[in-house]
C-alpha atoms as a PDB file:
ATOM      1  CA  UNK A   1     -50.865 -52.878  13.948  1.00  0.00           C
ATOM      2  CA  UNK A   2     -52.457 -53.256  10.625  1.00  0.00           C
ATOM      3  CA  UNK A   3     -49.487 -53.024   7.995  1.00  0.00           C
ATOM      4  CA  UNK A   4     -51.847 -50.015   5.944  1.00  0.00           C
ATOM      5  CA  UNK A   5     -51.536 -47.762   9.184  1.00  0.00           C
ATOM      6  CA  UNK A   6     -48.148 -48.733  10.340  1.00  0.00           C
ATOM      7  CA  UNK A   7     -46.447 -45.415  11.225  1.00  0.00           C
ATOM      8  CA  UNK A   8     -43.089 -46.394   9.533  1.00  0.00           C
ATOM      9  CA  UNK A   9     -44.849 -46.500   6.009  1.00  0.00           C
ATOM     10  CA  UNK A  10     -43.943 -42.901   5.817  1.00  0.00           C
ATOM     11  CA  UNK A  11     -40.435 -43.737   6.750  1.00  0.00           C
ATOM     12  CA  UNK A  12     -40.661 -46.360   3.857  1.00  0.00           C
ATOM     13  CA  UNK A  13     -41.966 -43.744   1.342  1.00  0.00           C
ATOM     14  CA  UNK A  14     -39.095 -41.405   2.273  1.00  0.00           C
ATOM     15  CA  UNK A  15     -36.578 -44.041   1.491  1.00  0.00           C
ATOM     16  CA  UNK A  16     -38.404 -44.711  -1.770  1.00  0.00           C
ATOM     17  CA  UNK A  17     -38.136 -41.241  -2.652  1.00  0.00           C
ATOM     18  CA  UNK A  18     -34.615 -40.996  -1.732  1.00  0.00           C
ATOM     19  CA  UNK A  19     -33.660 -44.153  -3.843  1.00  0.00           C
ATOM     20  CA  UNK A  20     -35.199 -42.677  -7.013  1.00  0.00           C
ATOM     21  CA  UNK A  21     -33.601 -39.349  -6.393  1.00  0.00           C
ATOM     22  CA  UNK A  22     -30.504 -40.699  -5.694  1.00  0.00           C
ATOM     23  CA  UNK A  23     -30.365 -38.527  -2.244  1.00  0.00           C
ATOM     24  CA  UNK A  24     -28.261 -39.797   0.494  1.00  0.00           C
ATOM     25  CA  UNK A  25     -29.117 -36.578   2.643  1.00  0.00           C
ATOM     26  CA  UNK A  26     -32.642 -37.788   2.771  1.00  0.00           C
ATOM     27  CA  UNK A  27     -31.271 -41.058   4.329  1.00  0.00           C
ATOM     28  CA  UNK A  28     -29.013 -39.253   6.848  1.00  0.00           C
ATOM     29  CA  UNK A  29     -32.002 -37.019   8.010  1.00  0.00           C
ATOM     30  CA  UNK A  30     -33.510 -40.381   9.175  1.00  0.00           C
ATOM     31  CA  UNK A  31     -30.458 -41.666  10.815  1.00  0.00           C
ATOM     32  CA  UNK A  32     -30.111 -38.400  12.536  1.00  0.00           C
ATOM     33  CA  UNK A  33     -33.760 -39.209  13.890  1.00  0.00           C
ATOM     34  CA  UNK A  34     -35.599 -36.492  11.700  1.00  0.00           C
ATOM     35  CA  UNK A  35     -38.686 -37.518  10.058  1.00  0.00           C
ATOM     36  CA  UNK A  36     -39.087 -40.663  12.467  1.00  0.00           C
ATOM     37  CA  UNK A  37     -42.201 -41.339  13.973  1.00  0.00           C
ATOM     38  CA  UNK A  38     -42.135 -41.344  17.812  1.00  0.00           C
ATOM     39  CA  UNK A  39     -42.785 -44.952  18.690  1.00  0.00           C
ATOM     40  CA  UNK A  40     -41.348 -45.023  22.479  1.00  0.00           C
ATOM     41  CA  UNK A  41     -38.779 -47.479  23.728  1.00  0.00           C
ATOM     42  CA  UNK A  42     -35.325 -47.386  23.196  1.00  0.00           C
ATOM     43  CA  UNK A  43     -34.956 -48.190  19.503  1.00  0.00           C
ATOM     44  CA  UNK A  44     -31.910 -46.750  17.433  1.00  0.00           C
ATOM     45  CA  UNK A  45     -32.702 -44.517  14.177  1.00  0.00           C
ATOM     46  CA  UNK A  46     -31.173 -47.349  12.321  1.00  0.00           C
ATOM     47  CA  UNK A  47     -33.352 -50.031  13.795  1.00  0.00           C
ATOM     48  CA  UNK A  48     -36.753 -48.205  12.453  1.00  0.00           C
ATOM     49  CA  UNK A  49     -35.287 -47.560   9.242  1.00  0.00           C
ATOM     50  CA  UNK A  50     -34.221 -51.389   8.574  1.00  0.00           C
ATOM     51  CA  UNK A  51     -37.962 -52.228   9.821  1.00  0.00           C
ATOM     52  CA  UNK A  52     -39.614 -49.660   7.537  1.00  0.00           C
ATOM     53  CA  UNK A  53     -37.773 -51.767   4.688  1.00  0.00           C
ATOM     54  CA  UNK A  54     -39.728 -54.863   5.631  1.00  0.00           C
ATOM     55  CA  UNK A  55     -43.242 -53.730   5.704  1.00  0.00           C
ATOM     56  CA  UNK A  56     -45.754 -54.306   2.920  1.00  0.00           C
ATOM     57  CA  UNK A  57     -45.801 -53.469   0.078  1.00  0.00           C
ATOM     58  CA  UNK A  58     -42.566 -55.147   0.434  1.00  0.00           C
ATOM     59  CA  UNK A  59     -39.867 -54.166  -2.306  1.00  0.00           C
ATOM     60  CA  UNK A  60     -37.170 -56.940  -1.995  1.00  0.00           C
ATOM     61  CA  UNK A  61     -35.009 -54.299  -4.461  1.00  0.00           C
ATOM     62  CA  UNK A  62     -35.201 -51.420  -2.194  1.00  0.00           C
ATOM     63  CA  UNK A  63     -32.505 -52.601   0.511  1.00  0.00           C
ATOM     64  CA  UNK A  64     -30.041 -53.203  -2.339  1.00  0.00           C
ATOM     65  CA  UNK A  65     -30.969 -49.741  -4.038  1.00  0.00           C
ATOM     66  CA  UNK A  66     -30.745 -48.002  -0.524  1.00  0.00           C
ATOM     67  CA  UNK A  67     -26.944 -49.457  -0.262  1.00  0.00           C
ATOM     68  CA  UNK A  68     -25.244 -46.918  -2.725  1.00  0.00           C
ATOM     69  CA  UNK A  69     -26.908 -44.034  -0.713  1.00  0.00           C
ATOM     70  CA  UNK A  70     -25.354 -45.467   2.440  1.00  0.00           C
ATOM     71  CA  UNK A  71     -21.932 -46.021   0.668  1.00  0.00           C
ATOM     72  CA  UNK A  72     -22.057 -42.438  -0.402  1.00  0.00           C
ATOM     73  CA  UNK A  73     -22.701 -41.403   3.158  1.00  0.00           C
ATOM     74  CA  UNK A  74     -19.654 -43.447   4.654  1.00  0.00           C
ATOM     75  CA  UNK A  75     -17.468 -42.196   1.837  1.00  0.00           C
ATOM     76  CA  UNK A  76     -18.553 -38.515   2.651  1.00  0.00           C
ATOM     77  CA  UNK A  77     -17.858 -39.219   6.356  1.00  0.00           C
ATOM     78  CA  UNK A  78     -14.503 -41.031   6.062  1.00  0.00           C
ATOM     79  CA  UNK A  79     -13.065 -37.728   4.359  1.00  0.00           C
ATOM     80  CA  UNK A  80      -9.663 -38.789   3.759  1.00  0.00           C
ATOM     81  CA  UNK A  81      -8.879 -42.528   3.589  1.00  0.00           C
ATOM     82  CA  UNK A  82      -5.384 -43.651   4.962  1.00  0.00           C
ATOM     83  CA  UNK A  83      -3.493 -46.959   5.506  1.00  0.00           C
ATOM     84  CA  UNK A  84      -5.003 -49.351   8.073  1.00  0.00           C
ATOM     85  CA  UNK A  85      -1.777 -50.023   9.665  1.00  0.00           C
ATOM     86  CA  UNK A  86      -1.139 -45.912   9.829  1.00  0.00           C
ATOM     87  CA  UNK A  87      -4.210 -44.162  10.242  1.00  0.00           C
ATOM     88  CA  UNK A  88      -4.543 -40.584   9.414  1.00  0.00           C
ATOM     89  CA  UNK A  89      -4.234 -38.158  12.346  1.00  0.00           C
ATOM     90  CA  UNK A  90      -7.274 -36.233  13.453  1.00  0.00           C
ATOM     91  CA  UNK A  91      -5.993 -32.913  11.739  1.00  0.00           C
ATOM     92  CA  UNK A  92      -5.716 -34.672   8.488  1.00  0.00           C
ATOM     93  CA  UNK A  93      -9.364 -35.478   8.313  1.00  0.00           C
ATOM     94  CA  UNK A  94     -11.338 -33.068   6.096  1.00  0.00           C
ATOM     95  CA  UNK A  95     -14.625 -31.969   7.030  1.00  0.00           C
ATOM     96  CA  UNK A  96     -17.490 -34.284   6.003  1.00  0.00           C
ATOM     97  CA  UNK A  97     -19.212 -33.580   2.575  1.00  0.00           C
ATOM     98  CA  UNK A  98     -22.016 -31.457   2.388  1.00  0.00           C
ATOM     99  CA  UNK A  99     -24.588 -34.738   2.544  1.00  0.00           C
ATOM    100  CA  UNK A 100     -23.476 -35.370   5.739  1.00  0.00           C
ATOM    101  CA  UNK A 101     -22.906 -32.129   7.659  1.00  0.00           C
ATOM    102  CA  UNK A 102     -26.051 -31.686   9.125  1.00  0.00           C
ATOM    103  CA  UNK A 103     -26.048 -35.109  10.416  1.00  0.00           C
ATOM    104  CA  UNK A 104     -22.779 -35.606  11.912  1.00  0.00           C
ATOM    105  CA  UNK A 105     -22.863 -32.200  13.738  1.00  0.00           C
ATOM    106  CA  UNK A 106     -23.884 -31.232  17.177  1.00  0.00           C
ATOM    107  CA  UNK A 107     -25.748 -34.579  18.052  1.00  0.00           C
ATOM    108  CA  UNK A 108     -28.483 -33.958  20.712  1.00  0.00           C
ATOM    109  CA  UNK A 109     -29.224 -35.842  23.906  1.00  0.00           C
ATOM    110  CA  UNK A 110     -32.277 -38.486  23.061  1.00  0.00           C
ATOM    111  CA  UNK A 111     -35.431 -38.158  25.249  1.00  0.00           C
ATOM    112  CA  UNK A 112     -34.676 -41.555  26.992  1.00  0.00           C
ATOM    113  CA  UNK A 113     -31.526 -40.006  28.430  1.00  0.00           C
ATOM    114  CA  UNK A 114     -29.192 -41.856  26.487  1.00  0.00           C
ATOM    115  CA  UNK A 115     -25.542 -40.084  25.755  1.00  0.00           C
ATOM    116  CA  UNK A 116     -25.426 -37.776  22.805  1.00  0.00           C
ATOM    117  CA  UNK A 117     -23.548 -39.414  19.799  1.00  0.00           C
ATOM    118  CA  UNK A 118     -22.977 -38.963  15.977  1.00  0.00           C
ATOM    119  CA  UNK A 119     -25.130 -40.918  13.816  1.00  0.00           C
ATOM    120  CA  UNK A 120     -22.135 -42.536  12.490  1.00  0.00           C
ATOM    121  CA  UNK A 121     -23.252 -45.185  14.962  1.00  0.00           C
ATOM    122  CA  UNK A 122     -26.753 -45.476  13.152  1.00  0.00           C
ATOM    123  CA  UNK A 123     -24.897 -45.386   9.595  1.00  0.00           C
ATOM    124  CA  UNK A 124     -22.741 -48.257  10.454  1.00  0.00           C
ATOM    125  CA  UNK A 125     -25.571 -50.276  11.910  1.00  0.00           C
ATOM    126  CA  UNK A 126     -27.844 -49.823   9.179  1.00  0.00           C
ATOM    127  CA  UNK A 127     -24.823 -50.746   6.665  1.00  0.00           C
ATOM    128  CA  UNK A 128     -24.439 -53.978   8.400  1.00  0.00           C
ATOM    129  CA  UNK A 129     -28.080 -55.000   7.783  1.00  0.00           C
ATOM    130  CA  UNK A 130     -28.067 -54.008   4.295  1.00  0.00           C
ATOM    131  CA  UNK A 131     -27.404 -56.510   1.376  1.00  0.00           C
ATOM    132  CA  UNK A 132     -23.581 -57.109   0.754  1.00  0.00           C
ATOM    133  CA  UNK A 133     -22.387 -55.081  -1.721  1.00  0.00           C
ATOM    134  CA  UNK A 134     -18.940 -53.886  -3.062  1.00  0.00           C
ATOM    135  CA  UNK A 135     -19.600 -50.200  -2.781  1.00  0.00           C
ATOM    136  CA  UNK A 136     -20.819 -50.436   0.348  1.00  0.00           C
ATOM    137  CA  UNK A 137     -17.654 -52.423   1.688  1.00  0.00           C
ATOM    138  CA  UNK A 138     -15.711 -49.834   0.135  1.00  0.00           C
ATOM    139  CA  UNK A 139     -17.316 -47.074   1.791  1.00  0.00           C
ATOM    140  CA  UNK A 140     -16.936 -48.943   5.245  1.00  0.00           C
ATOM    141  CA  UNK A 141     -13.164 -49.463   4.598  1.00  0.00           C
ATOM    142  CA  UNK A 142     -12.846 -45.989   3.763  1.00  0.00           C
ATOM    143  CA  UNK A 143     -14.428 -45.062   7.380  1.00  0.00           C
ATOM    144  CA  UNK A 144     -11.932 -47.690   8.891  1.00  0.00           C
ATOM    145  CA  UNK A 145      -8.873 -46.468   7.217  1.00  0.00           C
ATOM    146  CA  UNK A 146      -9.594 -42.767   7.803  1.00  0.00           C
ATOM    147  CA  UNK A 147      -9.218 -42.287  11.200  1.00  0.00           C
ATOM    148  CA  UNK A 148     -12.573 -40.411  11.552  1.00  0.00           C
ATOM    149  CA  UNK A 149     -13.054 -41.473  15.397  1.00  0.00           C
ATOM    150  CA  UNK A 150     -10.954 -39.105  16.905  1.00  0.00           C
ATOM    151  CA  UNK A 151     -12.775 -36.383  15.018  1.00  0.00           C
ATOM    152  CA  UNK A 152     -16.361 -37.545  16.041  1.00  0.00           C
ATOM    153  CA  UNK A 153     -18.259 -35.050  18.263  1.00  0.00           C
ATOM    154  CA  UNK A 154     -18.867 -37.685  20.923  1.00  0.00           C
ATOM    155  CA  UNK A 155     -17.477 -38.353  24.373  1.00  0.00           C
ATOM    156  CA  UNK A 156     -16.860 -42.040  23.863  1.00  0.00           C
ATOM    157  CA  UNK A 157     -16.362 -43.224  20.236  1.00  0.00           C
ATOM    158  CA  UNK A 158     -15.835 -46.877  20.932  1.00  0.00           C
ATOM    159  CA  UNK A 159     -19.466 -47.927  20.485  1.00  0.00           C
ATOM    160  CA  UNK A 160     -19.228 -46.403  16.819  1.00  0.00           C
ATOM    161  CA  UNK A 161     -15.650 -47.974  16.085  1.00  0.00           C
ATOM    162  CA  UNK A 162     -17.178 -51.419  17.208  1.00  0.00           C
ATOM    163  CA  UNK A 163     -19.980 -51.125  15.427  1.00  0.00           C
ATOM    164  CA  UNK A 164     -18.290 -50.222  12.206  1.00  0.00           C
ATOM    165  CA  UNK A 165     -15.840 -53.282  13.003  1.00  0.00           C
ATOM    166  CA  UNK A 166     -18.894 -55.424  12.945  1.00  0.00           C
ATOM    167  CA  UNK A 167     -20.514 -54.112   9.766  1.00  0.00           C
ATOM    168  CA  UNK A 168     -17.268 -54.485   8.033  1.00  0.00           C
ATOM    169  CA  UNK A 169     -17.068 -58.398   8.973  1.00  0.00           C
ATOM    170  CA  UNK A 170     -20.521 -58.946   7.389  1.00  0.00           C
ATOM    171  CA  UNK A 171     -20.019 -56.571   4.401  1.00  0.00           C
ATOM    172  CA  UNK A 172     -16.528 -58.036   3.290  1.00  0.00           C
ATOM    173  CA  UNK A 173     -16.336 -58.797  -0.357  1.00  0.00           C
ATOM    174  CA  UNK A 174     -12.708 -59.629  -0.453  1.00  0.00           C
ATOM    175  CA  UNK A 175      -9.833 -60.373   1.679  1.00  0.00           C
ATOM    176  CA  UNK A 176      -8.262 -57.063   2.032  1.00  0.00           C
ATOM    177  CA  UNK A 177      -8.957 -56.931   5.807  1.00  0.00           C
ATOM    178  CA  UNK A 178      -7.231 -60.339   6.498  1.00  0.00           C
ATOM    179  CA  UNK A 179      -4.024 -58.767   7.981  1.00  0.00           C
ATOM    180  CA  UNK A 180      -6.408 -56.377  10.047  1.00  0.00           C
ATOM    181  CA  UNK A 181      -8.070 -59.410  11.408  1.00  0.00           C
ATOM    182  CA  UNK A 182      -4.876 -61.332  12.157  1.00  0.00           C
ATOM    183  CA  UNK A 183      -3.328 -58.243  14.143  1.00  0.00           C
ATOM    184  CA  UNK A 184      -6.592 -58.289  16.312  1.00  0.00           C
ATOM    185  CA  UNK A 185      -5.925 -62.063  17.101  1.00  0.00           C
ATOM    186  CA  UNK A 186      -2.499 -61.340  18.102  1.00  0.00           C
ATOM    187  CA  UNK A 187      -3.341 -58.403  20.660  1.00  0.00           C
ATOM    188  CA  UNK A 188      -2.692 -60.294  23.757  1.00  0.00           C
ATOM    189  CA  UNK A 189       0.827 -60.531  22.571  1.00  0.00           C
ATOM    190  CA  UNK A 190       1.808 -63.857  24.706  1.00  0.00           C
ATOM    191  CA  UNK A 191       1.542 -61.967  27.857  1.00  0.00           C
ATOM    192  CA  UNK A 192       0.615 -64.112  31.011  1.00  0.00           C
ATOM    193  CA  UNK A 193      -2.362 -63.526  33.375  1.00  0.00           C
ATOM    194  CA  UNK A 194      -6.132 -63.159  32.266  1.00  0.00           C
ATOM    195  CA  UNK A 195      -6.916 -61.593  28.857  1.00  0.00           C
ATOM    196  CA  UNK A 196      -8.390 -58.154  29.456  1.00  0.00           C
ATOM    197  CA  UNK A 197     -11.979 -57.771  28.090  1.00  0.00           C
ATOM    198  CA  UNK A 198     -11.134 -55.313  25.375  1.00  0.00           C
ATOM    199  CA  UNK A 199      -8.609 -57.686  24.164  1.00  0.00           C
ATOM    200  CA  UNK A 200     -11.092 -60.607  24.158  1.00  0.00           C
ATOM    201  CA  UNK A 201     -13.609 -58.533  22.482  1.00  0.00           C
ATOM    202  CA  UNK A 202     -10.887 -57.926  19.821  1.00  0.00           C
ATOM    203  CA  UNK A 203      -9.967 -61.378  19.543  1.00  0.00           C
ATOM    204  CA  UNK A 204     -13.515 -62.724  18.976  1.00  0.00           C
ATOM    205  CA  UNK A 205     -14.112 -59.746  16.636  1.00  0.00           C
ATOM    206  CA  UNK A 206     -10.826 -60.542  14.829  1.00  0.00           C
ATOM    207  CA  UNK A 207     -11.598 -64.416  14.291  1.00  0.00           C
ATOM    208  CA  UNK A 208     -15.231 -64.096  13.106  1.00  0.00           C
ATOM    209  CA  UNK A 209     -13.942 -61.385  10.511  1.00  0.00           C
ATOM    210  CA  UNK A 210     -11.235 -63.973   9.303  1.00  0.00           C
ATOM    211  CA  UNK A 211     -14.127 -66.779   9.032  1.00  0.00           C
ATOM    212  CA  UNK A 212     -16.165 -64.343   7.288  1.00  0.00           C
ATOM    213  CA  UNK A 213     -13.669 -63.299   4.456  1.00  0.00           C
ATOM    214  CA  UNK A 214     -15.482 -64.321   1.348  1.00  0.00           C
ATOM    215  CA  UNK A 215     -14.118 -67.551  -0.571  1.00  0.00           C
ATOM    216  CA  UNK A 216     -11.320 -67.212  -3.518  1.00  0.00           C
ATOM    217  CA  UNK A 217     -12.340 -68.188  -6.814  1.00  0.00           C
ATOM    218  CA  UNK A 218     -10.157 -71.371  -6.431  1.00  0.00           C
ATOM    219  CA  UNK A 219     -12.276 -72.258  -3.183  1.00  0.00           C
ATOM    220  CA  UNK A 220     -15.460 -71.270  -5.219  1.00  0.00           C
ATOM    221  CA  UNK A 221     -14.471 -73.556  -8.046  1.00  0.00           C
ATOM    222  CA  UNK A 222     -13.983 -76.530  -5.553  1.00  0.00           C
ATOM    223  CA  UNK A 223     -17.133 -75.758  -3.914  1.00  0.00           C
ATOM    224  CA  UNK A 224     -15.315 -74.811  -0.659  1.00  0.00           C
ATOM    225  CA  UNK A 225     -16.191 -71.792   1.019  1.00  0.00           C
ATOM    226  CA  UNK A 226     -13.802 -71.997   3.981  1.00  0.00           C
ATOM    227  CA  UNK A 227      -9.740 -71.250   3.434  1.00  0.00           C
ATOM    228  CA  UNK A 228      -7.973 -73.987   5.224  1.00  0.00           C
ATOM    229  CA  UNK A 229      -4.496 -71.904   4.942  1.00  0.00           C
ATOM    230  CA  UNK A 230      -6.337 -68.988   6.544  1.00  0.00           C
ATOM    231  CA  UNK A 231      -8.030 -70.916   9.342  1.00  0.00           C
ATOM    232  CA  UNK A 232      -4.703 -72.778  10.202  1.00  0.00           C
ATOM    233  CA  UNK A 233      -2.882 -69.206  10.160  1.00  0.00           C
ATOM    234  CA  UNK A 234      -5.848 -67.788  12.458  1.00  0.00           C
ATOM    235  CA  UNK A 235      -5.572 -70.736  14.802  1.00  0.00           C
ATOM    236  CA  UNK A 236      -1.773 -70.275  15.447  1.00  0.00           C
ATOM    237  CA  UNK A 237      -1.842 -66.574  15.694  1.00  0.00           C
ATOM    238  CA  UNK A 238      -4.529 -67.041  18.709  1.00  0.00           C
ATOM    239  CA  UNK A 239      -2.390 -69.712  20.210  1.00  0.00           C
ATOM    240  CA  UNK A 240       0.847 -67.653  20.053  1.00  0.00           C
ATOM    241  CA  UNK A 241      -1.175 -64.591  21.520  1.00  0.00           C
ATOM    242  CA  UNK A 242      -2.932 -66.575  24.584  1.00  0.00           C
ATOM    243  CA  UNK A 243      -0.645 -69.441  25.231  1.00  0.00           C
ATOM    244  CA  UNK A 244       0.700 -67.854  28.552  1.00  0.00           C
ATOM    245  CA  UNK A 245      -2.727 -66.750  29.654  1.00  0.00           C
ATOM    246  CA  UNK A 246      -5.051 -68.647  32.099  1.00  0.00           C
ATOM    247  CA  UNK A 247      -7.790 -68.146  29.647  1.00  0.00           C
ATOM    248  CA  UNK A 248      -5.911 -69.737  26.832  1.00  0.00           C
ATOM    249  CA  UNK A 249      -7.756 -73.139  26.674  1.00  0.00           C
ATOM    250  CA  UNK A 250     -10.910 -71.658  26.894  1.00  0.00           C
ATOM    251  CA  UNK A 251     -10.414 -69.241  24.019  1.00  0.00           C
ATOM    252  CA  UNK A 252      -9.111 -72.051  22.062  1.00  0.00           C
ATOM    253  CA  UNK A 253     -12.178 -74.068  22.653  1.00  0.00           C
ATOM    254  CA  UNK A 254     -14.424 -70.927  21.711  1.00  0.00           C
ATOM    255  CA  UNK A 255     -12.340 -70.352  18.347  1.00  0.00           C
ATOM    256  CA  UNK A 256     -12.922 -73.791  17.512  1.00  0.00           C
ATOM    257  CA  UNK A 257     -16.704 -73.688  18.478  1.00  0.00           C
ATOM    258  CA  UNK A 258     -16.942 -70.622  16.002  1.00  0.00           C
ATOM    259  CA  UNK A 259     -14.981 -72.542  13.181  1.00  0.00           C
ATOM    260  CA  UNK A 260     -17.583 -75.491  13.482  1.00  0.00           C
ATOM    261  CA  UNK A 261     -20.433 -73.385  13.572  1.00  0.00           C
ATOM    262  CA  UNK A 262     -19.570 -71.191  10.389  1.00  0.00           C
ATOM    263  CA  UNK A 263     -18.456 -74.273   8.702  1.00  0.00           C
ATOM    264  CA  UNK A 264     -20.407 -77.326   9.913  1.00  0.00           C
ATOM    265  CA  UNK A 265     -18.618 -80.080   8.560  1.00  0.00           C
ATOM    266  CA  UNK A 266     -18.253 -83.791   9.622  1.00  0.00           C
ATOM    267  CA  UNK A 267     -15.419 -84.832  11.485  1.00  0.00           C
ATOM    268  CA  UNK A 268     -13.796 -86.405   8.694  1.00  0.00           C
ATOM    269  CA  UNK A 269     -13.359 -83.450   6.767  1.00  0.00           C
ATOM    270  CA  UNK A 270     -11.427 -81.735   9.784  1.00  0.00           C
ATOM    271  CA  UNK A 271      -9.257 -84.786   9.908  1.00  0.00           C
ATOM    272  CA  UNK A 272      -8.280 -84.691   6.255  1.00  0.00           C
ATOM    273  CA  UNK A 273      -7.800 -81.011   6.596  1.00  0.00           C
ATOM    274  CA  UNK A 274      -5.885 -80.445   9.790  1.00  0.00           C
ATOM    275  CA  UNK A 275      -4.154 -83.432  10.459  1.00  0.00           C
ATOM    276  CA  UNK A 276      -1.344 -82.389   8.131  1.00  0.00           C
ATOM    277  CA  UNK A 277      -0.936 -79.615  10.465  1.00  0.00           C
ATOM    278  CA  UNK A 278      -0.583 -81.381  13.740  1.00  0.00           C
ATOM    279  CA  UNK A 279       3.129 -82.112  13.792  1.00  0.00           C
ATOM    280  CA  UNK A 280       4.085 -78.742  13.703  1.00  0.00           C
ATOM    281  CA  UNK A 281       1.297 -77.228  16.436  1.00  0.00           C
ATOM    282  CA  UNK A 282       1.961 -76.688  20.031  1.00  0.00           C
ATOM    283  CA  UNK A 283       0.543 -78.991  22.319  1.00  0.00           C
ATOM    284  CA  UNK A 284      -2.052 -76.881  23.758  1.00  0.00           C
ATOM    285  CA  UNK A 285      -3.534 -76.085  20.139  1.00  0.00           C
ATOM    286  CA  UNK A 286      -3.329 -80.033  19.301  1.00  0.00           C
ATOM    287  CA  UNK A 287      -5.338 -80.911  22.655  1.00  0.00           C
ATOM    288  CA  UNK A 288      -7.884 -78.174  21.745  1.00  0.00           C
ATOM    289  CA  UNK A 289      -8.377 -79.453  18.405  1.00  0.00           C
ATOM    290  CA  UNK A 290      -8.559 -83.314  19.059  1.00  0.00           C
ATOM    291  CA  UNK A 291     -11.090 -82.753  21.746  1.00  0.00           C
ATOM    292  CA  UNK A 292     -13.253 -80.883  19.297  1.00  0.00           C
ATOM    293  CA  UNK A 293     -12.604 -83.454  16.577  1.00  0.00           C
ATOM    294  CA  UNK A 294     -11.146 -86.637  18.202  1.00  0.00           C
ATOM    295  CA  UNK A 295     -10.871 -88.147  14.522  1.00  0.00           C
ATOM    296  CA  UNK A 296      -8.012 -85.691  13.939  1.00  0.00           C
ATOM    297  CA  UNK A 297      -5.466 -87.947  15.472  1.00  0.00           C
ATOM    298  CA  UNK A 298      -6.908 -91.250  14.498  1.00  0.00           C
ATOM    299  CA  UNK A 299      -5.391 -93.300  11.605  1.00  0.00           C
ATOM    300  CA  UNK A 300      -5.733 -91.544   8.201  1.00  0.00           C
ATOM    301  CA  UNK A 301      -9.127 -91.271   6.705  1.00  0.00           C
ATOM    302  CA  UNK A 302      -9.609 -93.364   4.182  1.00  0.00           C
ATOM    303  CA  UNK A 303     -13.032 -91.927   2.742  1.00  0.00           C
ATOM    304  CA  UNK A 304     -13.987 -88.455   3.357  1.00  0.00           C
ATOM    305  CA  UNK A 305     -17.371 -87.479   3.478  1.00  0.00           C
ATOM    306  CA  UNK A 306     -17.418 -84.628   0.555  1.00  0.00           C
ATOM    307  CA  UNK A 307     -18.954 -81.061   1.351  1.00  0.00           C
ATOM    308  CA  UNK A 308     -22.502 -80.614   0.151  1.00  0.00           C
END
């Protein structure tokens, strides 16, 4: 389709006007499906909004300028922030602020027959695709802490909660969620038998969340995006949670594969960083690490390939 006649250009113009006016309600309307063209298929409103951002005439600043409006919608939706370990009860959650009222209330079934849901899902989906900013992370954290999911007008809040978690992973600007990611890694709690699917999903998100915590200033100064102490703690937490499960070896292999893909380093790097920890690690974890990086159990490395 010729860009000049693309039906999503109207959506792009709505977004431009919303940014100029500082109008989060216009963004909420789009995420609720109002003002979107009927393109067919099974695309979420957030998908269409995100596509509109990339159409010519492309404005590379538009996604970044849209982020504060999305952050405002998250803050309005959160209502009453609480502590991560002690979510507020549904009765304590305030009604959404005026910019979000019409968007959250009474979701309608889609023409494709999908279950009705709050546009919170699309809000979080769009938030995860925008450039990472501190204010957007603050808005997502506020939703995470607020206990909003029991108050959403939907039958099953789990997809929305899962989308919020994934957006939090990509939008992290500091390490405040580290205890939360570690809690997710520990959910199996050493129980025997297979790891349930929901617990495995928590483990996956917890590990990726831990790996995507941005580096500290000390790590930046050393030109190292990874925190070895955090990685070591995460690996031990995963091991201790799943060691009695029949899935333990595979889950540890998965965790090390994700680590290797998140921070691709030569074997010499991991040998130098992980070797000092081997003596205190259980056999199963040592076996998984040395299977991935055999040099970890070799003689001390005399020459390490530097990062970069």
